[in-house]
Amino acid sequence: MNTPEVYRLLCSGELTMVFDTNALFSNQRFRKLCDHINRLKDCDDKYQFNLVVPAPAHAEKLHDLKQQYRERYDFSEIIKGLTDKGISIASFEPHHADIVANLVGEQFPTTQAWHTFKRNRCIACLGLNTDKVTHIQGRGKTCGATIDWLIACYAEAEGCLLITGDTREEFKGIRKTTLENLEAAVEQLLTQSVL
């Protein structure tokens, strides 16, 4: 979704925004965005916005923070910071798993299609051109699938707007926008609400 579309969604007053891991990487931008969204909620009771990080994205971010801060890593401080910003961590439930199975099954209806996709993704992740690689063994069965399926399908299952910079297969058909579009739409609404 582009900025005007996101703006219209925000104007409706009720929206749950789900953040993919890449939207969480810029800590300052993310905190500022949360502050602006919370200011909107404080300006007018009609704004019922929810900020959600799915458990798989939260785990990825925690891993990054653990690497960054090592022995200074403090889980309780992280949870306090999220709570202070009005951000909830959403668990991954059985119905979310069913959505993942359906979405992946629609895009890759056969085992062969799924294995080929995973193999090609692994080759591409290494920076190799799949058209020129002919001597790599393996059919893709043991190649990993990305955690992005879980994040995208959480948003799909809950009818939320996913905030992500990713455009790959995992996010095909998911209602989504970028962090930049959300920031611009929130800024526009905040400017109009404060006036």
N, C-alpha and C. Protein backbone atom coordinates (compact mmCIF):
# COMPACT_ATOMS: atom_id res chain seq x y z
N MET A 1 0.84 -1.18 0.00
CA MET A 1 0.00 0.00 0.00
C MET A 1 0.89 1.25 0.00
N ASN A 2 0.44 2.24 -0.73
CA ASN A 2 1.20 3.49 -0.79
C ASN A 2 0.77 4.42 0.36
N THR A 3 1.41 5.56 0.47
CA THR A 3 1.15 6.48 1.58
C THR A 3 -0.31 6.95 1.63
N PRO A 4 -0.92 7.38 0.51
CA PRO A 4 -2.33 7.80 0.59
C PRO A 4 -3.26 6.67 1.05
N GLU A 5 -2.99 5.45 0.62
CA GLU A 5 -3.83 4.32 1.05
C GLU A 5 -3.66 4.07 2.55
N VAL A 6 -2.45 4.15 3.03
CA VAL A 6 -2.20 3.96 4.46
C VAL A 6 -2.84 5.10 5.25
N TYR A 7 -2.75 6.31 4.73
CA TYR A 7 -3.38 7.46 5.38
C TYR A 7 -4.88 7.23 5.54
N ARG A 8 -5.53 6.75 4.48
CA ARG A 8 -6.98 6.49 4.55
C ARG A 8 -7.29 5.42 5.60
N LEU A 9 -6.45 4.40 5.68
CA LEU A 9 -6.64 3.38 6.71
C LEU A 9 -6.53 3.99 8.11
N LEU A 10 -5.54 4.83 8.30
CA LEU A 10 -5.36 5.48 9.60
C LEU A 10 -6.55 6.36 9.93
N CYS A 11 -7.08 7.06 8.94
CA CYS A 11 -8.23 7.94 9.16
C CYS A 11 -9.47 7.19 9.62
N SER A 12 -9.54 5.91 9.30
CA SER A 12 -10.69 5.11 9.74
C SER A 12 -10.71 4.99 11.26
N GLY A 13 -9.56 5.21 11.89
CA GLY A 13 -9.50 5.24 13.35
C GLY A 13 -9.09 3.94 14.01
N GLU A 14 -9.28 2.83 13.33
CA GLU A 14 -8.91 1.54 13.92
C GLU A 14 -7.99 0.79 12.98
N LEU A 15 -6.82 0.46 13.49
CA LEU A 15 -5.87 -0.28 12.66
C LEU A 15 -4.85 -0.97 13.56
N THR A 16 -4.62 -2.22 13.26
CA THR A 16 -3.54 -2.95 13.94
C THR A 16 -2.40 -3.07 12.95
N MET A 17 -1.25 -2.60 13.39
CA MET A 17 -0.05 -2.62 12.55
C MET A 17 0.91 -3.68 13.10
N VAL A 18 1.33 -4.57 12.22
CA VAL A 18 2.24 -5.66 12.58
C VAL A 18 3.58 -5.35 11.94
N PHE A 19 4.64 -5.42 12.74
CA PHE A 19 5.96 -5.03 12.26
C PHE A 19 6.83 -6.24 11.99
N ASP A 20 7.34 -6.31 10.76
CA ASP A 20 8.31 -7.32 10.36
C ASP A 20 9.66 -6.93 10.97
N THR A 21 10.55 -7.88 11.02
CA THR A 21 11.86 -7.66 11.64
C THR A 21 12.59 -6.48 11.02
N ASN A 22 12.54 -6.35 9.68
CA ASN A 22 13.31 -5.27 9.04
C ASN A 22 12.78 -3.89 9.42
N ALA A 23 11.51 -3.79 9.82
CA ALA A 23 10.96 -2.51 10.26
C ALA A 23 11.45 -2.15 11.66
N LEU A 24 11.96 -3.13 12.39
CA LEU A 24 12.44 -2.91 13.75
C LEU A 24 13.91 -2.54 13.81
N PHE A 25 14.62 -2.71 12.69
CA PHE A 25 16.07 -2.54 12.71
C PHE A 25 16.52 -1.11 12.99
N SER A 26 15.79 -0.14 12.51
CA SER A 26 16.15 1.25 12.80
C SER A 26 15.49 1.65 14.11
N ASN A 27 16.18 1.41 15.21
CA ASN A 27 15.59 1.62 16.53
C ASN A 27 15.04 3.02 16.72
N GLN A 28 15.81 4.04 16.32
CA GLN A 28 15.35 5.42 16.51
C GLN A 28 14.10 5.72 15.68
N ARG A 29 14.12 5.31 14.43
CA ARG A 29 12.95 5.55 13.57
C ARG A 29 11.73 4.82 14.12
N PHE A 30 11.91 3.59 14.55
CA PHE A 30 10.80 2.80 15.07
C PHE A 30 10.24 3.44 16.34
N ARG A 31 11.11 3.84 17.25
CA ARG A 31 10.64 4.48 18.49
C ARG A 31 9.91 5.79 18.19
N LYS A 32 10.45 6.58 17.27
CA LYS A 32 9.81 7.85 16.90
C LYS A 32 8.43 7.60 16.30
N LEU A 33 8.33 6.59 15.44
CA LEU A 33 7.04 6.25 14.84
C LEU A 33 6.04 5.84 15.92
N CYS A 34 6.47 5.02 16.85
CA CYS A 34 5.59 4.61 17.95
C CYS A 34 5.14 5.82 18.76
N ASP A 35 6.06 6.74 19.03
CA ASP A 35 5.70 7.96 19.76
C ASP A 35 4.65 8.76 19.00
N HIS A 36 4.81 8.89 17.70
CA HIS A 36 3.84 9.65 16.90
C HIS A 36 2.48 8.96 16.89
N ILE A 37 2.47 7.65 16.77
CA ILE A 37 1.20 6.92 16.78
C ILE A 37 0.53 7.07 18.15
N ASN A 38 1.30 7.01 19.20
CA ASN A 38 0.74 7.18 20.54
C ASN A 38 0.24 8.61 20.76
N ARG A 39 0.90 9.59 20.17
CA ARG A 39 0.41 10.98 20.23
C ARG A 39 -0.95 11.09 19.56
N LEU A 40 -1.11 10.43 18.42
CA LEU A 40 -2.41 10.43 17.73
C LEU A 40 -3.48 9.84 18.64
N LYS A 41 -3.17 8.74 19.27
CA LYS A 41 -4.13 8.10 20.17
C LYS A 41 -4.48 9.02 21.34
N ASP A 42 -3.50 9.78 21.82
CA ASP A 42 -3.75 10.71 22.92
C ASP A 42 -4.57 11.92 22.47
N CYS A 43 -4.43 12.31 21.19
CA CYS A 43 -5.16 13.47 20.64
C CYS A 43 -6.65 13.22 20.54
N ASP A 44 -7.02 12.01 20.20
CA ASP A 44 -8.42 11.73 19.89
C ASP A 44 -8.72 10.27 20.22
N ASP A 45 -9.77 10.06 21.00
CA ASP A 45 -10.16 8.70 21.39
C ASP A 45 -10.60 7.84 20.22
N LYS A 46 -10.90 8.48 19.09
CA LYS A 46 -11.34 7.69 17.93
C LYS A 46 -10.20 6.83 17.37
N TYR A 47 -8.96 7.21 17.66
CA TYR A 47 -7.82 6.47 17.14
C TYR A 47 -7.51 5.28 18.05
N GLN A 48 -7.86 4.13 17.56
CA GLN A 48 -7.62 2.87 18.27
C GLN A 48 -6.58 2.07 17.49
N PHE A 49 -5.35 2.50 17.60
CA PHE A 49 -4.27 1.84 16.88
C PHE A 49 -3.55 0.86 17.80
N ASN A 50 -3.22 -0.29 17.25
CA ASN A 50 -2.48 -1.30 17.98
C ASN A 50 -1.16 -1.56 17.28
N LEU A 51 -0.10 -1.62 18.06
CA LEU A 51 1.24 -1.88 17.55
C LEU A 51 1.64 -3.28 18.01
N VAL A 52 1.93 -4.14 17.04
CA VAL A 52 2.16 -5.55 17.35
C VAL A 52 3.44 -6.03 16.68
N VAL A 53 4.21 -6.81 17.42
CA VAL A 53 5.36 -7.51 16.86
C VAL A 53 5.09 -9.00 17.04
N PRO A 54 4.99 -9.76 15.95
CA PRO A 54 4.77 -11.20 16.09
C PRO A 54 5.97 -11.87 16.75
N ALA A 55 5.71 -12.92 17.50
CA ALA A 55 6.77 -13.62 18.23
C ALA A 55 7.97 -13.99 17.35
N PRO A 56 7.78 -14.48 16.11
CA PRO A 56 8.96 -14.80 15.29
C PRO A 56 9.83 -13.57 14.98
N ALA A 57 9.21 -12.42 14.72
CA ALA A 57 9.99 -11.20 14.47
C ALA A 57 10.67 -10.74 15.75
N HIS A 58 9.97 -10.88 16.86
CA HIS A 58 10.53 -10.51 18.16
C HIS A 58 11.78 -11.36 18.45
N ALA A 59 11.68 -12.65 18.17
CA ALA A 59 12.83 -13.55 18.39
C ALA A 59 14.02 -13.14 17.54
N GLU A 60 13.77 -12.78 16.28
CA GLU A 60 14.86 -12.33 15.40
C GLU A 60 15.52 -11.07 15.96
N LYS A 61 14.70 -10.13 16.41
CA LYS A 61 15.23 -8.87 16.95
C LYS A 61 15.99 -9.12 18.24
N LEU A 62 15.47 -10.00 19.10
CA LEU A 62 16.17 -10.32 20.34
C LEU A 62 17.55 -10.93 20.05
N HIS A 63 17.59 -11.77 19.03
CA HIS A 63 18.87 -12.38 18.64
C HIS A 63 19.87 -11.28 18.25
N ASP A 64 19.42 -10.33 17.46
CA ASP A 64 20.30 -9.22 17.05
C ASP A 64 20.76 -8.40 18.26
N LEU A 65 19.83 -8.13 19.18
CA LEU A 65 20.19 -7.36 20.37
C LEU A 65 21.17 -8.12 21.26
N LYS A 66 20.96 -9.43 21.35
CA LYS A 66 21.87 -10.27 22.15
C LYS A 66 23.28 -10.21 21.56
N GLN A 67 23.38 -10.26 20.25
CA GLN A 67 24.69 -10.16 19.60
C GLN A 67 25.31 -8.78 19.82
N GLN A 68 24.49 -7.76 19.73
CA GLN A 68 24.98 -6.39 19.85
C GLN A 68 25.44 -6.06 21.27
N TYR A 69 24.63 -6.44 22.26
CA TYR A 69 24.91 -6.02 23.64
C TYR A 69 25.61 -7.08 24.49
N ARG A 70 25.66 -8.29 24.01
CA ARG A 70 26.34 -9.40 24.70
C ARG A 70 25.99 -9.45 26.18
N GLU A 71 26.94 -9.28 27.08
CA GLU A 71 26.68 -9.42 28.52
C GLU A 71 25.81 -8.29 29.08
N ARG A 72 25.66 -7.19 28.36
CA ARG A 72 24.78 -6.09 28.82
C ARG A 72 23.33 -6.31 28.39
N TYR A 73 23.08 -7.33 27.59
CA TYR A 73 21.72 -7.66 27.13
C TYR A 73 20.82 -7.87 28.35
N ASP A 74 19.68 -7.19 28.36
CA ASP A 74 18.76 -7.29 29.49
C ASP A 74 17.33 -7.45 28.96
N PHE A 75 16.85 -8.66 28.99
CA PHE A 75 15.53 -8.98 28.45
C PHE A 75 14.44 -8.16 29.14
N SER A 76 14.53 -7.99 30.45
CA SER A 76 13.49 -7.25 31.16
C SER A 76 13.44 -5.78 30.72
N GLU A 77 14.58 -5.20 30.41
CA GLU A 77 14.61 -3.82 29.91
C GLU A 77 13.96 -3.72 28.52
N ILE A 78 14.18 -4.73 27.71
CA ILE A 78 13.58 -4.74 26.37
C ILE A 78 12.06 -4.81 26.49
N ILE A 79 11.57 -5.69 27.33
CA ILE A 79 10.12 -5.82 27.52
C ILE A 79 9.54 -4.53 28.10
N LYS A 80 10.23 -3.92 29.04
CA LYS A 80 9.78 -2.64 29.60
C LYS A 80 9.70 -1.57 28.51
N GLY A 81 10.72 -1.51 27.66
CA GLY A 81 10.72 -0.54 26.57
C GLY A 81 9.56 -0.75 25.61
N LEU A 82 9.28 -1.99 25.28
CA LEU A 82 8.15 -2.29 24.39
C LEU A 82 6.83 -1.89 25.05
N THR A 83 6.68 -2.23 26.31
CA THR A 83 5.46 -1.89 27.05
C THR A 83 5.28 -0.38 27.12
N ASP A 84 6.36 0.33 27.41
CA ASP A 84 6.29 1.80 27.48
C ASP A 84 5.84 2.42 26.16
N LYS A 85 6.17 1.79 25.05
CA LYS A 85 5.79 2.30 23.73
C LYS A 85 4.41 1.78 23.28
N GLY A 86 3.78 0.94 24.10
CA GLY A 86 2.46 0.42 23.74
C GLY A 86 2.52 -0.69 22.71
N ILE A 87 3.62 -1.42 22.68
CA ILE A 87 3.81 -2.49 21.70
C ILE A 87 3.56 -3.83 22.37
N SER A 88 2.75 -4.64 21.73
CA SER A 88 2.51 -5.98 22.27
C SER A 88 3.21 -7.02 21.40
N ILE A 89 3.60 -8.12 22.04
CA ILE A 89 4.20 -9.25 21.35
C ILE A 89 3.09 -10.27 21.16
N ALA A 90 2.86 -10.66 19.92
CA ALA A 90 1.78 -11.60 19.61
C ALA A 90 2.33 -13.01 19.49
N SER A 91 1.66 -13.93 20.15
CA SER A 91 2.09 -15.33 20.07
C SER A 91 1.68 -15.94 18.73
N PHE A 92 2.32 -17.03 18.41
CA PHE A 92 2.02 -17.75 17.17
C PHE A 92 1.18 -18.96 17.56
N GLU A 93 -0.06 -18.99 17.12
CA GLU A 93 -1.03 -19.99 17.54
C GLU A 93 -1.32 -20.99 16.42
N PRO A 94 -2.03 -22.07 16.74
CA PRO A 94 -2.33 -23.09 15.72
C PRO A 94 -3.03 -22.54 14.47
N HIS A 95 -3.95 -21.59 14.63
CA HIS A 95 -4.62 -21.06 13.43
C HIS A 95 -3.66 -20.27 12.55
N HIS A 96 -2.61 -19.70 13.14
CA HIS A 96 -1.60 -19.02 12.33
C HIS A 96 -0.83 -20.05 11.50
N ALA A 97 -0.53 -21.18 12.10
CA ALA A 97 0.16 -22.26 11.38
C ALA A 97 -0.68 -22.74 10.20
N ASP A 98 -1.99 -22.79 10.39
CA ASP A 98 -2.88 -23.22 9.31
C ASP A 98 -2.83 -22.22 8.15
N ILE A 99 -2.78 -20.94 8.46
CA ILE A 99 -2.66 -19.91 7.41
C ILE A 99 -1.34 -20.07 6.67
N VAL A 100 -0.25 -20.34 7.39
CA VAL A 100 1.04 -20.57 6.74
C VAL A 100 0.93 -21.74 5.77
N ALA A 101 0.35 -22.84 6.24
CA ALA A 101 0.22 -24.03 5.38
C ALA A 101 -0.60 -23.71 4.13
N ASN A 102 -1.68 -22.96 4.30
CA ASN A 102 -2.52 -22.61 3.15
C ASN A 102 -1.80 -21.70 2.17
N LEU A 103 -1.14 -20.67 2.69
CA LEU A 103 -0.45 -19.71 1.82
C LEU A 103 0.69 -20.38 1.06
N VAL A 104 1.51 -21.13 1.77
CA VAL A 104 2.63 -21.82 1.12
C VAL A 104 2.10 -22.85 0.14
N GLY A 105 1.03 -23.55 0.53
CA GLY A 105 0.44 -24.56 -0.35
C GLY A 105 -0.14 -23.98 -1.63
N GLU A 106 -0.70 -22.78 -1.54
CA GLU A 106 -1.22 -22.13 -2.75
C GLU A 106 -0.10 -21.73 -3.69
N GLN A 107 0.98 -21.21 -3.14
CA GLN A 107 2.09 -20.75 -3.98
C GLN A 107 2.93 -21.91 -4.50
N PHE A 108 3.01 -22.98 -3.72
CA PHE A 108 3.84 -24.13 -4.09
C PHE A 108 3.02 -25.39 -3.88
N PRO A 109 2.16 -25.73 -4.85
CA PRO A 109 1.20 -26.82 -4.67
C PRO A 109 1.81 -28.22 -4.66
N THR A 110 3.05 -28.36 -5.10
CA THR A 110 3.66 -29.69 -5.10
C THR A 110 4.95 -29.67 -4.28
N THR A 111 5.34 -30.83 -3.83
CA THR A 111 6.60 -30.95 -3.09
C THR A 111 7.76 -30.49 -3.96
N GLN A 112 7.72 -30.85 -5.23
CA GLN A 112 8.79 -30.47 -6.15
C GLN A 112 8.90 -28.94 -6.27
N ALA A 113 7.76 -28.28 -6.41
CA ALA A 113 7.76 -26.81 -6.52
C ALA A 113 8.34 -26.18 -5.25
N TRP A 114 7.99 -26.72 -4.10
CA TRP A 114 8.49 -26.19 -2.82
C TRP A 114 9.99 -26.40 -2.70
N HIS A 115 10.45 -27.60 -3.02
CA HIS A 115 11.89 -27.89 -2.94
C HIS A 115 12.69 -27.04 -3.92
N THR A 116 12.16 -26.86 -5.12
CA THR A 116 12.84 -26.03 -6.13
C THR A 116 12.94 -24.59 -5.64
N PHE A 117 11.85 -24.08 -5.09
CA PHE A 117 11.87 -22.72 -4.55
C PHE A 117 12.94 -22.58 -3.47
N LYS A 118 12.94 -23.50 -2.51
CA LYS A 118 13.91 -23.41 -1.40
C LYS A 118 15.34 -23.52 -1.91
N ARG A 119 15.58 -24.41 -2.87
CA ARG A 119 16.92 -24.58 -3.43
C ARG A 119 17.37 -23.29 -4.11
N ASN A 120 16.49 -22.74 -4.95
CA ASN A 120 16.83 -21.50 -5.66
C ASN A 120 17.04 -20.34 -4.69
N ARG A 121 16.26 -20.29 -3.61
CA ARG A 121 16.44 -19.24 -2.61
C ARG A 121 17.80 -19.38 -1.94
N CYS A 122 18.19 -20.60 -1.62
CA CYS A 122 19.51 -20.83 -1.00
C CYS A 122 20.64 -20.39 -1.94
N ILE A 123 20.51 -20.73 -3.20
CA ILE A 123 21.53 -20.35 -4.19
C ILE A 123 21.59 -18.83 -4.30
N ALA A 124 20.42 -18.19 -4.37
CA ALA A 124 20.37 -16.73 -4.48
C ALA A 124 20.94 -16.06 -3.23
N CYS A 125 20.69 -16.64 -2.06
CA CYS A 125 21.22 -16.06 -0.81
C CYS A 125 22.74 -16.05 -0.80
N LEU A 126 23.34 -16.97 -1.53
CA LEU A 126 24.80 -17.01 -1.62
C LEU A 126 25.33 -16.07 -2.70
N GLY A 127 24.41 -15.39 -3.38
CA GLY A 127 24.82 -14.44 -4.42
C GLY A 127 25.12 -15.08 -5.75
N LEU A 128 24.65 -16.30 -5.92
CA LEU A 128 24.89 -17.01 -7.17
C LEU A 128 23.70 -16.85 -8.10
N ASN A 129 23.94 -16.96 -9.39
CA ASN A 129 22.88 -16.87 -10.39
C ASN A 129 22.36 -18.28 -10.65
N THR A 130 21.08 -18.52 -10.38
CA THR A 130 20.52 -19.87 -10.52
C THR A 130 20.57 -20.36 -11.96
N ASP A 131 20.57 -19.45 -12.94
CA ASP A 131 20.65 -19.86 -14.34
C ASP A 131 22.03 -20.40 -14.71
N LYS A 132 23.05 -19.93 -14.00
CA LYS A 132 24.41 -20.32 -14.35
C LYS A 132 24.95 -21.44 -13.46
N VAL A 133 24.23 -21.76 -12.40
CA VAL A 133 24.68 -22.79 -11.48
C VAL A 133 24.07 -24.12 -11.90
N THR A 134 24.92 -25.01 -12.34
CA THR A 134 24.42 -26.32 -12.79
C THR A 134 25.03 -27.47 -12.02
N HIS A 135 26.12 -27.23 -11.30
CA HIS A 135 26.84 -28.33 -10.66
C HIS A 135 26.62 -28.40 -9.16
N ILE A 136 25.62 -27.74 -8.65
CA ILE A 136 25.34 -27.82 -7.22
C ILE A 136 24.38 -28.98 -7.01
N GLN A 137 24.79 -29.89 -6.16
CA GLN A 137 23.95 -31.04 -5.88
C GLN A 137 22.87 -30.67 -4.87
N GLY A 138 21.90 -31.51 -4.76
CA GLY A 138 20.81 -31.29 -3.82
C GLY A 138 19.58 -30.77 -4.53
N ARG A 139 18.45 -31.25 -4.07
CA ARG A 139 17.19 -30.87 -4.72
C ARG A 139 16.41 -29.81 -3.95
N GLY A 140 16.91 -29.44 -2.80
CA GLY A 140 16.24 -28.39 -2.03
C GLY A 140 15.46 -28.89 -0.84
N LYS A 141 15.35 -30.20 -0.67
CA LYS A 141 14.56 -30.73 0.44
C LYS A 141 15.09 -30.27 1.79
N THR A 142 16.40 -30.24 1.95
CA THR A 142 16.98 -29.89 3.24
C THR A 142 17.29 -28.40 3.38
N CYS A 143 17.01 -27.61 2.36
CA CYS A 143 17.22 -26.16 2.46
C CYS A 143 16.17 -25.57 3.40
N GLY A 144 16.57 -24.60 4.17
CA GLY A 144 15.66 -23.98 5.12
C GLY A 144 14.64 -23.07 4.45
N ALA A 145 13.53 -22.91 5.12
CA ALA A 145 12.53 -21.94 4.69
C ALA A 145 12.66 -20.74 5.62
N THR A 146 12.29 -19.59 5.16
CA THR A 146 12.48 -18.37 5.94
C THR A 146 11.37 -18.16 6.97
N ILE A 147 11.74 -17.51 8.04
CA ILE A 147 10.82 -17.17 9.12
C ILE A 147 9.77 -16.15 8.65
N ASP A 148 10.03 -15.51 7.52
CA ASP A 148 9.11 -14.51 6.99
C ASP A 148 7.71 -15.07 6.73
N TRP A 149 7.61 -16.37 6.41
CA TRP A 149 6.29 -16.96 6.21
C TRP A 149 5.45 -16.79 7.47
N LEU A 150 6.07 -17.01 8.62
CA LEU A 150 5.36 -16.94 9.90
C LEU A 150 4.90 -15.51 10.19
N ILE A 151 5.75 -14.56 9.91
CA ILE A 151 5.43 -13.16 10.16
C ILE A 151 4.31 -12.69 9.21
N ALA A 152 4.45 -12.98 7.94
CA ALA A 152 3.45 -12.58 6.95
C ALA A 152 2.10 -13.22 7.24
N CYS A 153 2.11 -14.48 7.59
CA CYS A 153 0.85 -15.18 7.81
C CYS A 153 0.18 -14.78 9.12
N TYR A 154 0.95 -14.31 10.09
CA TYR A 154 0.33 -13.77 11.30
C TYR A 154 -0.52 -12.56 10.90
N ALA A 155 0.07 -11.65 10.12
CA ALA A 155 -0.66 -10.45 9.69
C ALA A 155 -1.90 -10.83 8.88
N GLU A 156 -1.75 -11.81 8.00
CA GLU A 156 -2.88 -12.27 7.19
C GLU A 156 -3.98 -12.85 8.07
N ALA A 157 -3.62 -13.71 9.00
CA ALA A 157 -4.61 -14.37 9.86
C ALA A 157 -5.38 -13.38 10.72
N GLU A 158 -4.70 -12.33 11.15
CA GLU A 158 -5.32 -11.36 12.05
C GLU A 158 -5.91 -10.16 11.33
N GLY A 159 -5.79 -10.10 10.00
CA GLY A 159 -6.35 -8.99 9.24
C GLY A 159 -5.65 -7.66 9.51
N CYS A 160 -4.36 -7.72 9.76
CA CYS A 160 -3.58 -6.53 10.11
C CYS A 160 -2.84 -5.98 8.89
N LEU A 161 -2.32 -4.79 9.06
CA LEU A 161 -1.44 -4.19 8.05
C LEU A 161 0.00 -4.54 8.44
N LEU A 162 0.70 -5.21 7.55
CA LEU A 162 2.08 -5.61 7.79
C LEU A 162 3.02 -4.49 7.35
N ILE A 163 3.95 -4.14 8.22
CA ILE A 163 4.94 -3.12 7.90
C ILE A 163 6.24 -3.85 7.60
N THR A 164 6.66 -3.81 6.34
CA THR A 164 7.86 -4.55 5.92
C THR A 164 8.49 -3.89 4.71
N GLY A 165 9.77 -4.12 4.57
CA GLY A 165 10.48 -3.68 3.36
C GLY A 165 10.66 -4.83 2.39
N ASP A 166 10.23 -6.02 2.77
CA ASP A 166 10.40 -7.20 1.91
C ASP A 166 9.29 -7.30 0.87
N THR A 167 9.67 -7.79 -0.30
CA THR A 167 8.70 -7.96 -1.39
C THR A 167 8.75 -9.37 -1.98
N ARG A 168 9.44 -10.27 -1.31
CA ARG A 168 9.62 -11.61 -1.87
C ARG A 168 8.35 -12.44 -1.76
N GLU A 169 8.46 -13.70 -2.18
CA GLU A 169 7.32 -14.60 -2.26
C GLU A 169 6.55 -14.72 -0.95
N GLU A 170 7.25 -14.66 0.17
CA GLU A 170 6.59 -14.81 1.46
C GLU A 170 5.50 -13.76 1.69
N PHE A 171 5.64 -12.63 1.03
CA PHE A 171 4.74 -11.51 1.28
C PHE A 171 3.74 -11.28 0.14
N LYS A 172 3.73 -12.20 -0.80
CA LYS A 172 2.81 -12.09 -1.94
C LYS A 172 1.36 -12.19 -1.45
N GLY A 173 0.54 -11.23 -1.83
CA GLY A 173 -0.88 -11.26 -1.48
C GLY A 173 -1.20 -10.79 -0.06
N ILE A 174 -0.20 -10.35 0.68
CA ILE A 174 -0.41 -9.88 2.05
C ILE A 174 -0.61 -8.36 2.03
N ARG A 175 -1.58 -7.88 2.80
CA ARG A 175 -1.79 -6.43 2.89
C ARG A 175 -0.61 -5.83 3.66
N LYS A 176 0.17 -5.00 2.96
CA LYS A 176 1.42 -4.51 3.55
C LYS A 176 1.76 -3.12 3.05
N THR A 177 2.68 -2.49 3.77
CA THR A 177 3.26 -1.22 3.37
C THR A 177 4.67 -1.17 3.92
N THR A 178 5.39 -0.13 3.53
CA THR A 178 6.75 0.04 4.02
C THR A 178 6.75 0.94 5.26
N LEU A 179 7.84 0.89 5.98
CA LEU A 179 8.01 1.77 7.13
C LEU A 179 7.93 3.23 6.69
N GLU A 180 8.53 3.53 5.54
CA GLU A 180 8.52 4.91 5.01
C GLU A 180 7.11 5.39 4.72
N ASN A 181 6.28 4.54 4.12
CA ASN A 181 4.90 4.94 3.82
C ASN A 181 4.10 5.16 5.09
N LEU A 182 4.30 4.28 6.08
CA LEU A 182 3.59 4.44 7.34
C LEU A 182 4.04 5.72 8.05
N GLU A 183 5.34 5.97 8.07
CA GLU A 183 5.85 7.20 8.70
C GLU A 183 5.23 8.44 8.06
N ALA A 184 5.18 8.47 6.74
CA ALA A 184 4.63 9.63 6.04
C ALA A 184 3.15 9.80 6.33
N ALA A 185 2.40 8.71 6.34
CA ALA A 185 0.97 8.78 6.60
C ALA A 185 0.69 9.21 8.04
N VAL A 186 1.45 8.68 8.98
CA VAL A 186 1.28 9.07 10.39
C VAL A 186 1.62 10.54 10.57
N GLU A 187 2.70 10.97 9.95
CA GLU A 187 3.11 12.39 10.04
C GLU A 187 2.02 13.30 9.48
N GLN A 188 1.43 12.92 8.35
CA GLN A 188 0.36 13.71 7.74
C GLN A 188 -0.85 13.77 8.67
N LEU A 189 -1.24 12.65 9.23
CA LEU A 189 -2.40 12.62 10.12
C LEU A 189 -2.11 13.37 11.42
N LEU A 190 -0.91 13.25 11.92
CA LEU A 190 -0.53 13.95 13.14
C LEU A 190 -0.57 15.46 12.93
N THR A 191 -0.05 15.92 11.81
CA THR A 191 -0.06 17.35 11.48
C THR A 191 -1.50 17.87 11.43
N GLN A 192 -2.39 17.12 10.81
CA GLN A 192 -3.78 17.55 10.70
C GLN A 192 -4.52 17.46 12.03
N SER A 193 -4.19 16.48 12.84
CA SER A 193 -4.88 16.29 14.12
C SER A 193 -4.48 17.33 15.15
N VAL A 194 -3.25 17.78 15.09
CA VAL A 194 -2.75 18.75 16.06
C VAL A 194 -3.23 20.15 15.74
N LEU A 195 -3.50 20.42 14.46
CA LEU A 195 -3.94 21.77 14.05
C LEU A 195 -5.31 22.12 14.57
